[in-house]
C-alpha atoms as a PDB file:
ATOM      1  CA  MET A   1     -56.263 -64.608 -39.843  1.00  0.00           C
ATOM      2  CA  ARG A   2     -55.556 -68.103 -40.455  1.00  0.00           C
ATOM      3  CA  THR A   3     -56.576 -70.742 -42.499  1.00  0.00           C
ATOM      4  CA  PRO A   4     -57.307 -74.026 -41.556  1.00  0.00           C
ATOM      5  CA  HIS A   5     -54.189 -75.727 -42.730  1.00  0.00           C
ATOM      6  CA  GLU A   6     -51.652 -73.127 -41.054  1.00  0.00           C
ATOM      7  CA  SER A   7     -49.437 -73.726 -38.029  1.00  0.00           C
ATOM      8  CA  PRO A   8     -50.617 -72.191 -34.751  1.00  0.00           C
ATOM      9  CA  PRO A   9     -48.377 -69.472 -33.563  1.00  0.00           C
ATOM     10  CA  PRO A  10     -45.465 -71.247 -31.293  1.00  0.00           C
ATOM     11  CA  ALA A  11     -46.582 -72.223 -27.530  1.00  0.00           C
ATOM     12  CA  GLU A  12     -44.265 -70.442 -24.789  1.00  0.00           C
ATOM     13  CA  GLU A  13     -43.780 -73.850 -23.690  1.00  0.00           C
ATOM     14  CA  PRO A  14     -43.657 -77.181 -24.655  1.00  0.00           C
ATOM     15  CA  PRO A  15     -46.388 -79.511 -24.459  1.00  0.00           C
ATOM     16  CA  GLY A  16     -46.775 -81.317 -20.822  1.00  0.00           C
ATOM     17  CA  TRP A  17     -46.256 -84.470 -22.320  1.00  0.00           C
ATOM     18  CA  ALA A  18     -42.624 -83.609 -23.643  1.00  0.00           C
ATOM     19  CA  ILE A  19     -41.707 -81.692 -20.620  1.00  0.00           C
ATOM     20  CA  ARG A  20     -42.338 -85.275 -18.115  1.00  0.00           C
ATOM     21  CA  GLN A  21     -39.992 -87.291 -20.916  1.00  0.00           C
ATOM     22  CA  ALA A  22     -37.532 -84.390 -20.720  1.00  0.00           C
ATOM     23  CA  LEU A  23     -37.368 -84.605 -16.496  1.00  0.00           C
ATOM     24  CA  SER A  24     -37.317 -88.737 -16.794  1.00  0.00           C
ATOM     25  CA  ASP A  25     -34.812 -88.281 -19.682  1.00  0.00           C
ATOM     26  CA  LEU A  26     -32.194 -86.022 -17.432  1.00  0.00           C
ATOM     27  CA  PRO A  27     -30.520 -86.398 -14.541  1.00  0.00           C
ATOM     28  CA  ASP A  28     -32.002 -84.856 -11.408  1.00  0.00           C
ATOM     29  CA  GLY A  29     -31.481 -81.241 -10.631  1.00  0.00           C
ATOM     30  CA  SER A  30     -31.230 -80.493 -14.277  1.00  0.00           C
ATOM     31  CA  GLU A  31     -31.581 -76.814 -14.911  1.00  0.00           C
ATOM     32  CA  THR A  32     -35.180 -75.389 -16.223  1.00  0.00           C
ATOM     33  CA  SER A  33     -33.735 -73.993 -19.747  1.00  0.00           C
ATOM     34  CA  VAL A  34     -32.200 -77.663 -20.539  1.00  0.00           C
ATOM     35  CA  VAL A  35     -34.778 -79.518 -19.749  1.00  0.00           C
ATOM     36  CA  THR A  36     -37.273 -76.944 -21.854  1.00  0.00           C
ATOM     37  CA  ALA A  37     -34.748 -77.138 -24.652  1.00  0.00           C
ATOM     38  CA  LEU A  38     -34.823 -81.235 -24.329  1.00  0.00           C
ATOM     39  CA  ALA A  39     -38.546 -80.917 -24.267  1.00  0.00           C
ATOM     40  CA  TRP A  40     -38.767 -78.716 -27.604  1.00  0.00           C
ATOM     41  CA  ASP A  41     -36.331 -81.174 -29.466  1.00  0.00           C
ATOM     42  CA  LEU A  42     -38.739 -84.185 -28.640  1.00  0.00           C
ATOM     43  CA  ALA A  43     -42.201 -82.319 -29.445  1.00  0.00           C
ATOM     44  CA  ASP A  44     -40.162 -81.249 -32.634  1.00  0.00           C
ATOM     45  CA  ALA A  45     -39.475 -84.723 -33.470  1.00  0.00           C
ATOM     46  CA  ALA A  46     -42.347 -86.107 -32.792  1.00  0.00           C
ATOM     47  CA  ALA A  47     -44.216 -83.469 -34.739  1.00  0.00           C
ATOM     48  CA  GLU A  48     -41.978 -84.226 -37.415  1.00  0.00           C
ATOM     49  CA  ARG A  49     -42.476 -87.992 -37.392  1.00  0.00           C
ATOM     50  CA  PHE A  50     -46.351 -87.420 -37.297  1.00  0.00           C
ATOM     51  CA  ASP A  51     -46.109 -85.331 -40.532  1.00  0.00           C
ATOM     52  CA  GLU A  52     -43.694 -88.048 -42.300  1.00  0.00           C
ATOM     53  CA  ARG A  53     -46.116 -90.485 -41.581  1.00  0.00           C
ATOM     54  CA  HIS A  54     -49.075 -88.000 -42.659  1.00  0.00           C
ATOM     55  CA  ASP A  55     -47.262 -87.596 -46.003  1.00  0.00           C
ATOM     56  CA  GLU A  56     -46.718 -91.081 -46.775  1.00  0.00           C
ATOM     57  CA  TYR A  57     -50.320 -91.811 -47.003  1.00  0.00           C
ATOM     58  CA  ASP A  58     -50.814 -89.081 -49.084  1.00  0.00           C
ATOM     59  CA  ASP A  59     -48.247 -90.160 -51.633  1.00  0.00           C
ATOM     60  CA  PRO A  60     -49.891 -92.240 -54.474  1.00  0.00           C
ATOM     61  CA  ASP A  61     -46.595 -93.670 -55.231  1.00  0.00           C
ATOM     62  CA  GLN A  62     -46.851 -95.044 -52.026  1.00  0.00           C
ATOM     63  CA  GLY A  63     -50.203 -96.199 -52.030  1.00  0.00           C
ATOM     64  CA  GLY A  64     -51.848 -93.269 -50.467  1.00  0.00           C
ATOM     65  CA  GLU A  65     -54.424 -90.953 -51.907  1.00  0.00           C
ATOM     66  CA  ALA A  66     -54.333 -89.589 -55.695  1.00  0.00           C
END
């Protein structure tokens, strides 16, 4: 059983918002595998930005919680 702080198991498909963004960033007719790969890259980058922002607020040296 996972603890509340563990990540959920990886999804089989990237989030819908990432797929829509990838479709708009790529030329029409791009292969599904290319769209999916870009969508995962976008989702990973967004998660990394979120984690960095969260870490900043927890860092006492940066004015976060002690």
